[in-house]
PDB file of N, CA and C in Angstrom:
ATOM      1  N   MET A   1       5.337   8.062  13.531  1.00  0.00           N
ATOM      2  CA  MET A   1       6.556   8.605  12.987  1.00  0.00           C
ATOM      3  C   MET A   1       6.315  10.067  12.624  1.00  0.00           C
ATOM      4  N   ILE A   2       7.266  10.897  12.910  1.00  0.00           N
ATOM      5  CA  ILE A   2       7.233  12.302  12.573  1.00  0.00           C
ATOM      6  C   ILE A   2       8.250  12.529  11.475  1.00  0.00           C
ATOM      7  N   VAL A   3       7.857  13.205  10.419  1.00  0.00           N
ATOM      8  CA  VAL A   3       8.781  13.464   9.316  1.00  0.00           C
ATOM      9  C   VAL A   3       9.004  14.968   9.227  1.00  0.00           C
ATOM     10  N   ILE A   4      10.258  15.348   9.190  1.00  0.00           N
ATOM     11  CA  ILE A   4      10.619  16.760   9.022  1.00  0.00           C
ATOM     12  C   ILE A   4      11.175  16.946   7.621  1.00  0.00           C
ATOM     13  N   SER A   5      10.574  17.807   6.827  1.00  0.00           N
ATOM     14  CA  SER A   5      11.081  18.073   5.493  1.00  0.00           C
ATOM     15  C   SER A   5      12.050  19.259   5.499  1.00  0.00           C
ATOM     16  N   ASP A   6      11.717  20.306   6.204  1.00  0.00           N
ATOM     17  CA  ASP A   6      12.596  21.464   6.312  1.00  0.00           C
ATOM     18  C   ASP A   6      13.588  21.180   7.436  1.00  0.00           C
ATOM     19  N   THR A   7      14.827  20.927   7.083  1.00  0.00           N
ATOM     20  CA  THR A   7      15.810  20.549   8.091  1.00  0.00           C
ATOM     21  C   THR A   7      16.470  21.724   8.793  1.00  0.00           C
ATOM     22  N   SER A   8      16.088  22.945   8.461  1.00  0.00           N
ATOM     23  CA  SER A   8      16.755  24.080   9.092  1.00  0.00           C
ATOM     24  C   SER A   8      16.595  24.101  10.604  1.00  0.00           C
ATOM     25  N   PRO A   9      15.437  23.713  11.179  1.00  0.00           N
ATOM     26  CA  PRO A   9      15.381  23.672  12.651  1.00  0.00           C
ATOM     27  C   PRO A   9      16.363  22.648  13.238  1.00  0.00           C
ATOM     28  N   ILE A  10      16.557  21.560  12.539  1.00  0.00           N
ATOM     29  CA  ILE A  10      17.465  20.509  13.016  1.00  0.00           C
ATOM     30  C   ILE A  10      18.912  21.013  12.995  1.00  0.00           C
ATOM     31  N   THR A  11      19.290  21.618  11.881  1.00  0.00           N
ATOM     32  CA  THR A  11      20.659  22.130  11.781  1.00  0.00           C
ATOM     33  C   THR A  11      20.895  23.274  12.775  1.00  0.00           C
ATOM     34  N   SER A  12      19.850  24.038  13.035  1.00  0.00           N
ATOM     35  CA  SER A  12      19.988  25.112  14.028  1.00  0.00           C
ATOM     36  C   SER A  12      20.208  24.545  15.431  1.00  0.00           C
ATOM     37  N   LEU A  13      19.472  23.499  15.779  1.00  0.00           N
ATOM     38  CA  LEU A  13      19.669  22.852  17.079  1.00  0.00           C
ATOM     39  C   LEU A  13      21.082  22.282  17.189  1.00  0.00           C
ATOM     40  N   ALA A  14      21.545  21.679  16.121  1.00  0.00           N
ATOM     41  CA  ALA A  14      22.912  21.115  16.134  1.00  0.00           C
ATOM     42  C   ALA A  14      23.938  22.236  16.286  1.00  0.00           C
ATOM     43  N   ALA A  15      23.683  23.370  15.643  1.00  0.00           N
ATOM     44  CA  ALA A  15      24.632  24.482  15.702  1.00  0.00           C
ATOM     45  C   ALA A  15      24.770  25.056  17.099  1.00  0.00           C
ATOM     46  N   ILE A  16      23.717  24.966  17.890  1.00  0.00           N
ATOM     47  CA  ILE A  16      23.791  25.501  19.255  1.00  0.00           C
ATOM     48  C   ILE A  16      24.067  24.399  20.289  1.00  0.00           C
ATOM     49  N   GLY A  17      24.489  23.252  19.793  1.00  0.00           N
ATOM     50  CA  GLY A  17      24.953  22.195  20.701  1.00  0.00           C
ATOM     51  C   GLY A  17      23.858  21.366  21.349  1.00  0.00           C
ATOM     52  N   GLN A  18      22.703  21.297  20.760  1.00  0.00           N
ATOM     53  CA  GLN A  18      21.603  20.532  21.325  1.00  0.00           C
ATOM     54  C   GLN A  18      21.515  19.116  20.770  1.00  0.00           C
ATOM     55  N   LEU A  19      22.650  18.442  20.740  1.00  0.00           N
ATOM     56  CA  LEU A  19      22.698  17.093  20.195  1.00  0.00           C
ATOM     57  C   LEU A  19      21.921  16.105  21.039  1.00  0.00           C
ATOM     58  N   ASP A  20      21.897  16.300  22.369  1.00  0.00           N
ATOM     59  CA  ASP A  20      21.111  15.418  23.230  1.00  0.00           C
ATOM     60  C   ASP A  20      19.615  15.518  22.892  1.00  0.00           C
ATOM     61  N   LEU A  21      19.139  16.720  22.638  1.00  0.00           N
ATOM     62  CA  LEU A  21      17.750  16.915  22.256  1.00  0.00           C
ATOM     63  C   LEU A  21      17.467  16.219  20.927  1.00  0.00           C
ATOM     64  N   LEU A  22      18.387  16.364  19.990  1.00  0.00           N
ATOM     65  CA  LEU A  22      18.217  15.697  18.703  1.00  0.00           C
ATOM     66  C   LEU A  22      18.167  14.182  18.855  1.00  0.00           C
ATOM     67  N   ARG A  23      19.001  13.641  19.725  1.00  0.00           N
ATOM     68  CA  ARG A  23      18.992  12.185  19.975  1.00  0.00           C
ATOM     69  C   ARG A  23      17.656  11.753  20.580  1.00  0.00           C
ATOM     70  N   GLN A  24      17.130  12.531  21.511  1.00  0.00           N
ATOM     71  CA  GLN A  24      15.834  12.215  22.128  1.00  0.00           C
ATOM     72  C   GLN A  24      14.739  12.244  21.077  1.00  0.00           C
ATOM     73  N   LEU A  25      14.753  13.241  20.209  1.00  0.00           N
ATOM     74  CA  LEU A  25      13.748  13.337  19.161  1.00  0.00           C
ATOM     75  C   LEU A  25      13.848  12.141  18.200  1.00  0.00           C
ATOM     76  N   TYR A  26      15.085  11.761  17.873  1.00  0.00           N
ATOM     77  CA  TYR A  26      15.287  10.604  17.021  1.00  0.00           C
ATOM     78  C   TYR A  26      14.730   9.336  17.677  1.00  0.00           C
ATOM     79  N   ASN A  27      14.959   9.209  18.974  1.00  0.00           N
ATOM     80  CA  ASN A  27      14.509   8.028  19.698  1.00  0.00           C
ATOM     81  C   ASN A  27      12.987   7.911  19.755  1.00  0.00           C
ATOM     82  N   ILE A  28      12.271   9.024  19.643  1.00  0.00           N
ATOM     83  CA  ILE A  28      10.798   8.933  19.653  1.00  0.00           C
ATOM     84  C   ILE A  28      10.224   8.870  18.249  1.00  0.00           C
ATOM     85  N   GLY A  29      11.078   8.798  17.251  1.00  0.00           N
ATOM     86  CA  GLY A  29      10.594   8.583  15.882  1.00  0.00           C
ATOM     87  C   GLY A  29      10.764   9.719  14.920  1.00  0.00           C
ATOM     88  N   LEU A  30      11.468  10.764  15.280  1.00  0.00           N
ATOM     89  CA  LEU A  30      11.723  11.864  14.369  1.00  0.00           C
ATOM     90  C   LEU A  30      12.596  11.348  13.230  1.00  0.00           C
ATOM     91  N   ARG A  31      12.202  11.616  12.031  1.00  0.00           N
ATOM     92  CA  ARG A  31      12.988  11.227  10.870  1.00  0.00           C
ATOM     93  C   ARG A  31      13.162  12.449  10.005  1.00  0.00           C
ATOM     94  N   ILE A  32      14.370  12.711   9.625  1.00  0.00           N
ATOM     95  CA  ILE A  32      14.672  13.898   8.805  1.00  0.00           C
ATOM     96  C   ILE A  32      14.765  13.466   7.356  1.00  0.00           C
ATOM     97  N   THR A  33      14.034  14.132   6.513  1.00  0.00           N
ATOM     98  CA  THR A  33      14.068  13.863   5.090  1.00  0.00           C
ATOM     99  C   THR A  33      13.814  15.133   4.312  1.00  0.00           C
ATOM    100  N   GLY A  34      14.180  15.135   3.090  1.00  0.00           N
ATOM    101  CA  GLY A  34      13.925  16.288   2.240  1.00  0.00           C
ATOM    102  C   GLY A  34      12.676  16.065   1.396  1.00  0.00           C
ATOM    103  N   LEU A  35      12.456  16.961   0.473  1.00  0.00           N
ATOM    104  CA  LEU A  35      11.272  16.899  -0.364  1.00  0.00           C
ATOM    105  C   LEU A  35      11.205  15.598  -1.160  1.00  0.00           C
ATOM    106  N   LEU A  36      12.335  15.153  -1.687  1.00  0.00           N
ATOM    107  CA  LEU A  36      12.318  13.921  -2.473  1.00  0.00           C
ATOM    108  C   LEU A  36      11.941  12.733  -1.590  1.00  0.00           C
ATOM    109  N   GLY A  37      12.419  12.698  -0.357  1.00  0.00           N
ATOM    110  CA  GLY A  37      12.064  11.646   0.575  1.00  0.00           C
ATOM    111  C   GLY A  37      10.575  11.652   0.899  1.00  0.00           C
ATOM    112  N   VAL A  38      10.022  12.859   1.008  1.00  0.00           N
ATOM    113  CA  VAL A  38       8.587  12.978   1.270  1.00  0.00           C
ATOM    114  C   VAL A  38       7.792  12.435   0.077  1.00  0.00           C
ATOM    115  N   LEU A  39       8.225  12.761  -1.140  1.00  0.00           N
ATOM    116  CA  LEU A  39       7.535  12.251  -2.330  1.00  0.00           C
ATOM    117  C   LEU A  39       7.619  10.736  -2.419  1.00  0.00           C
ATOM    118  N   ILE A  40       8.779  10.174  -2.115  1.00  0.00           N
ATOM    119  CA  ILE A  40       8.944   8.708  -2.146  1.00  0.00           C
ATOM    120  C   ILE A  40       7.978   8.076  -1.145  1.00  0.00           C
ATOM    121  N   GLU A  41       7.968   8.590   0.053  1.00  0.00           N
ATOM    122  CA  GLU A  41       7.101   8.015   1.100  1.00  0.00           C
ATOM    123  C   GLU A  41       5.645   8.186   0.750  1.00  0.00           C
ATOM    124  N   ALA A  42       5.260   9.311   0.191  1.00  0.00           N
ATOM    125  CA  ALA A  42       3.874   9.539  -0.198  1.00  0.00           C
ATOM    126  C   ALA A  42       3.427   8.526  -1.262  1.00  0.00           C
ATOM    127  N   LYS A  43       4.310   8.225  -2.186  1.00  0.00           N
ATOM    128  CA  LYS A  43       3.980   7.209  -3.222  1.00  0.00           C
ATOM    129  C   LYS A  43       3.898   5.825  -2.586  1.00  0.00           C
ATOM    130  N   GLN A  44       4.852   5.475  -1.746  1.00  0.00           N
ATOM    131  CA  GLN A  44       4.875   4.154  -1.121  1.00  0.00           C
ATOM    132  C   GLN A  44       3.658   3.937  -0.226  1.00  0.00           C
ATOM    133  N   LYS A  45       3.142   4.986   0.361  1.00  0.00           N
ATOM    134  CA  LYS A  45       1.997   4.858   1.252  1.00  0.00           C
ATOM    135  C   LYS A  45       0.661   5.066   0.513  1.00  0.00           C
ATOM    136  N   GLY A  46       0.728   5.312  -0.781  1.00  0.00           N
ATOM    137  CA  GLY A  46      -0.469   5.445  -1.583  1.00  0.00           C
ATOM    138  C   GLY A  46      -1.161   6.807  -1.546  1.00  0.00           C
ATOM    139  N   PHE A  47      -0.472   7.824  -1.054  1.00  0.00           N
ATOM    140  CA  PHE A  47      -1.052   9.153  -1.008  1.00  0.00           C
ATOM    141  C   PHE A  47      -1.030   9.835  -2.366  1.00  0.00           C
ATOM    142  N   ILE A  48      -0.074   9.454  -3.199  1.00  0.00           N
ATOM    143  CA  ILE A  48      -0.002   9.948  -4.580  1.00  0.00           C
ATOM    144  C   ILE A  48       0.199   8.760  -5.483  1.00  0.00           C
ATOM    145  N   LEU A  49      -0.230   8.879  -6.739  1.00  0.00           N
ATOM    146  CA  LEU A  49      -0.100   7.785  -7.681  1.00  0.00           C
ATOM    147  C   LEU A  49       1.260   7.755  -8.346  1.00  0.00           C
ATOM    148  N   ALA A  50       1.885   8.931  -8.513  1.00  0.00           N
ATOM    149  CA  ALA A  50       3.137   8.998  -9.226  1.00  0.00           C
ATOM    150  C   ALA A  50       4.002  10.164  -8.715  1.00  0.00           C
ATOM    151  N   VAL A  51       5.298   9.934  -8.721  1.00  0.00           N
ATOM    152  CA  VAL A  51       6.262  10.975  -8.299  1.00  0.00           C
ATOM    153  C   VAL A  51       6.699  11.785  -9.489  1.00  0.00           C
ATOM    154  N   LYS A  52       6.876  11.142 -10.653  1.00  0.00           N
ATOM    155  CA  LYS A  52       7.471  11.813 -11.809  1.00  0.00           C
ATOM    156  C   LYS A  52       6.736  13.092 -12.210  1.00  0.00           C
ATOM    157  N   PRO A  53       5.409  13.103 -12.333  1.00  0.00           N
ATOM    158  CA  PRO A  53       4.749  14.362 -12.727  1.00  0.00           C
ATOM    159  C   PRO A  53       4.956  15.488 -11.722  1.00  0.00           C
ATOM    160  N   LEU A  54       4.948  15.160 -10.448  1.00  0.00           N
ATOM    161  CA  LEU A  54       5.164  16.172  -9.418  1.00  0.00           C
ATOM    162  C   LEU A  54       6.593  16.690  -9.464  1.00  0.00           C
ATOM    163  N   LEU A  55       7.536  15.789  -9.631  1.00  0.00           N
ATOM    164  CA  LEU A  55       8.949  16.153  -9.718  1.00  0.00           C
ATOM    165  C   LEU A  55       9.173  17.053 -10.941  1.00  0.00           C
ATOM    166  N   ASN A  56       8.594  16.677 -12.081  1.00  0.00           N
ATOM    167  CA  ASN A  56       8.740  17.483 -13.290  1.00  0.00           C
ATOM    168  C   ASN A  56       8.115  18.865 -13.115  1.00  0.00           C
ATOM    169  N   GLN A  57       6.979  18.920 -12.421  1.00  0.00           N
ATOM    170  CA  GLN A  57       6.318  20.210 -12.180  1.00  0.00           C
ATOM    171  C   GLN A  57       7.182  21.093 -11.264  1.00  0.00           C
ATOM    172  N   LEU A  58       7.782  20.502 -10.263  1.00  0.00           N
ATOM    173  CA  LEU A  58       8.682  21.250  -9.373  1.00  0.00           C
ATOM    174  C   LEU A  58       9.869  21.817 -10.135  1.00  0.00           C
ATOM    175  N   ILE A  59      10.428  21.000 -11.018  1.00  0.00           N
ATOM    176  CA  ILE A  59      11.589  21.436 -11.807  1.00  0.00           C
ATOM    177  C   ILE A  59      11.179  22.559 -12.775  1.00  0.00           C
ATOM    178  N   ALA A  60      10.009  22.427 -13.377  1.00  0.00           N
ATOM    179  CA  ALA A  60       9.562  23.409 -14.381  1.00  0.00           C
ATOM    180  C   ALA A  60       9.083  24.715 -13.782  1.00  0.00           C
ATOM    181  N   THR A  61       8.451  24.656 -12.621  1.00  0.00           N
ATOM    182  CA  THR A  61       7.802  25.876 -12.123  1.00  0.00           C
ATOM    183  C   THR A  61       8.341  26.419 -10.811  1.00  0.00           C
ATOM    184  N   ALA A  62       9.003  25.604 -10.039  1.00  0.00           N
ATOM    185  CA  ALA A  62       9.452  26.080  -8.708  1.00  0.00           C
ATOM    186  C   ALA A  62      10.956  26.226  -8.591  1.00  0.00           C
ATOM    187  N   GLU A  63      11.637  26.212  -9.723  1.00  0.00           N
ATOM    188  CA  GLU A  63      13.091  26.327  -9.725  1.00  0.00           C
ATOM    189  C   GLU A  63      13.765  25.265  -8.862  1.00  0.00           C
ATOM    190  N   PHE A  64      13.131  24.108  -8.767  1.00  0.00           N
ATOM    191  CA  PHE A  64      13.691  22.996  -8.009  1.00  0.00           C
ATOM    192  C   PHE A  64      14.749  22.350  -8.882  1.00  0.00           C
ATOM    193  N   ARG A  65      15.906  22.069  -8.300  1.00  0.00           N
ATOM    194  CA  ARG A  65      16.995  21.450  -9.054  1.00  0.00           C
ATOM    195  C   ARG A  65      17.327  20.092  -8.499  1.00  0.00           C
ATOM    196  N   VAL A  66      17.553  19.147  -9.380  1.00  0.00           N
ATOM    197  CA  VAL A  66      17.966  17.811  -8.964  1.00  0.00           C
ATOM    198  C   VAL A  66      18.894  17.264 -10.055  1.00  0.00           C
ATOM    199  N   ALA A  67      19.978  16.636  -9.627  1.00  0.00           N
ATOM    200  CA  ALA A  67      20.936  16.054 -10.566  1.00  0.00           C
ATOM    201  C   ALA A  67      20.262  14.930 -11.349  1.00  0.00           C
ATOM    202  N   ASP A  68      20.674  14.762 -12.567  1.00  0.00           N
ATOM    203  CA  ASP A  68      20.099  13.711 -13.425  1.00  0.00           C
ATOM    204  C   ASP A  68      20.183  12.339 -12.794  1.00  0.00           C
ATOM    205  N   ALA A  69      21.328  12.028 -12.167  1.00  0.00           N
ATOM    206  CA  ALA A  69      21.498  10.723 -11.540  1.00  0.00           C
ATOM    207  C   ALA A  69      20.538  10.537 -10.373  1.00  0.00           C
ATOM    208  N   LEU A  70      20.331  11.580  -9.579  1.00  0.00           N
ATOM    209  CA  LEU A  70      19.407  11.495  -8.468  1.00  0.00           C
ATOM    210  C   LEU A  70      17.962  11.376  -8.967  1.00  0.00           C
ATOM    211  N   TYR A  71      17.627  12.120  -9.997  1.00  0.00           N
ATOM    212  CA  TYR A  71      16.305  12.050 -10.617  1.00  0.00           C
ATOM    213  C   TYR A  71      16.018  10.601 -11.031  1.00  0.00           C
ATOM    214  N   ALA A  72      16.963   9.996 -11.722  1.00  0.00           N
ATOM    215  CA  ALA A  72      16.796   8.597 -12.172  1.00  0.00           C
ATOM    216  C   ALA A  72      16.680   7.646 -10.994  1.00  0.00           C
ATOM    217  N   ARG A  73      17.473   7.875  -9.965  1.00  0.00           N
ATOM    218  CA  ARG A  73      17.429   7.007  -8.779  1.00  0.00           C
ATOM    219  C   ARG A  73      16.068   7.087  -8.060  1.00  0.00           C
ATOM    220  N   ILE A  74      15.548   8.300  -7.934  1.00  0.00           N
ATOM    221  CA  ILE A  74      14.249   8.472  -7.294  1.00  0.00           C
ATOM    222  C   ILE A  74      13.193   7.701  -8.078  1.00  0.00           C
ATOM    223  N   LEU A  75      13.193   7.852  -9.387  1.00  0.00           N
ATOM    224  CA  LEU A  75      12.189   7.149 -10.209  1.00  0.00           C
ATOM    225  C   LEU A  75      12.383   5.640 -10.133  1.00  0.00           C
ATOM    226  N   HIS A  76      13.616   5.189 -10.013  1.00  0.00           N
ATOM    227  CA  HIS A  76      13.869   3.757  -9.850  1.00  0.00           C
ATOM    228  C   HIS A  76      13.311   3.248  -8.534  1.00  0.00           C
ATOM    229  N   ILE A  77      13.529   4.013  -7.473  1.00  0.00           N
ATOM    230  CA  ILE A  77      13.040   3.636  -6.143  1.00  0.00           C
ATOM    231  C   ILE A  77      11.524   3.449  -6.142  1.00  0.00           C
ATOM    232  N   VAL A  78      10.842   4.358  -6.831  1.00  0.00           N
ATOM    233  CA  VAL A  78       9.364   4.294  -6.842  1.00  0.00           C
ATOM    234  C   VAL A  78       8.808   3.529  -8.044  1.00  0.00           C
ATOM    235  N   ALA A  79       9.697   2.875  -8.763  1.00  0.00           N
ATOM    236  CA  ALA A  79       9.326   2.013  -9.899  1.00  0.00           C
ATOM    237  C   ALA A  79       8.533   2.786 -10.975  1.00  0.00           C
ATOM    238  N   GLU A  80       9.078   3.925 -11.350  1.00  0.00           N
ATOM    239  CA  GLU A  80       8.463   4.707 -12.437  1.00  0.00           C
ATOM    240  C   GLU A  80       9.451   4.836 -13.588  1.00  0.00           C
TER     241      GLU A  80
END
C-alpha cells in the first residue's frame, strides 16, 4: 500500500483532467490520507505508542489546527 499525506499532487492531477491516472493509481493501492490518517495508521501498526502527545505537540508548536470534535474522534479511534 502506498500512502500519500500531501494531497496537492493528487488535486493537481485532477485539475488537469488526469482522472484515469488517478483511478489506475488507486487500483494499485494508492491511498490518500492526511496527517491525522497517518498518525492513526502509525498507532494501529505499532510504529508509535500514542497519538495524543504528537497531536498536542503539533497544535502547540506547528500551528496545526484541528476542530475539537475531530480531535476527540481521532483519540476515540485510537482508543486514547
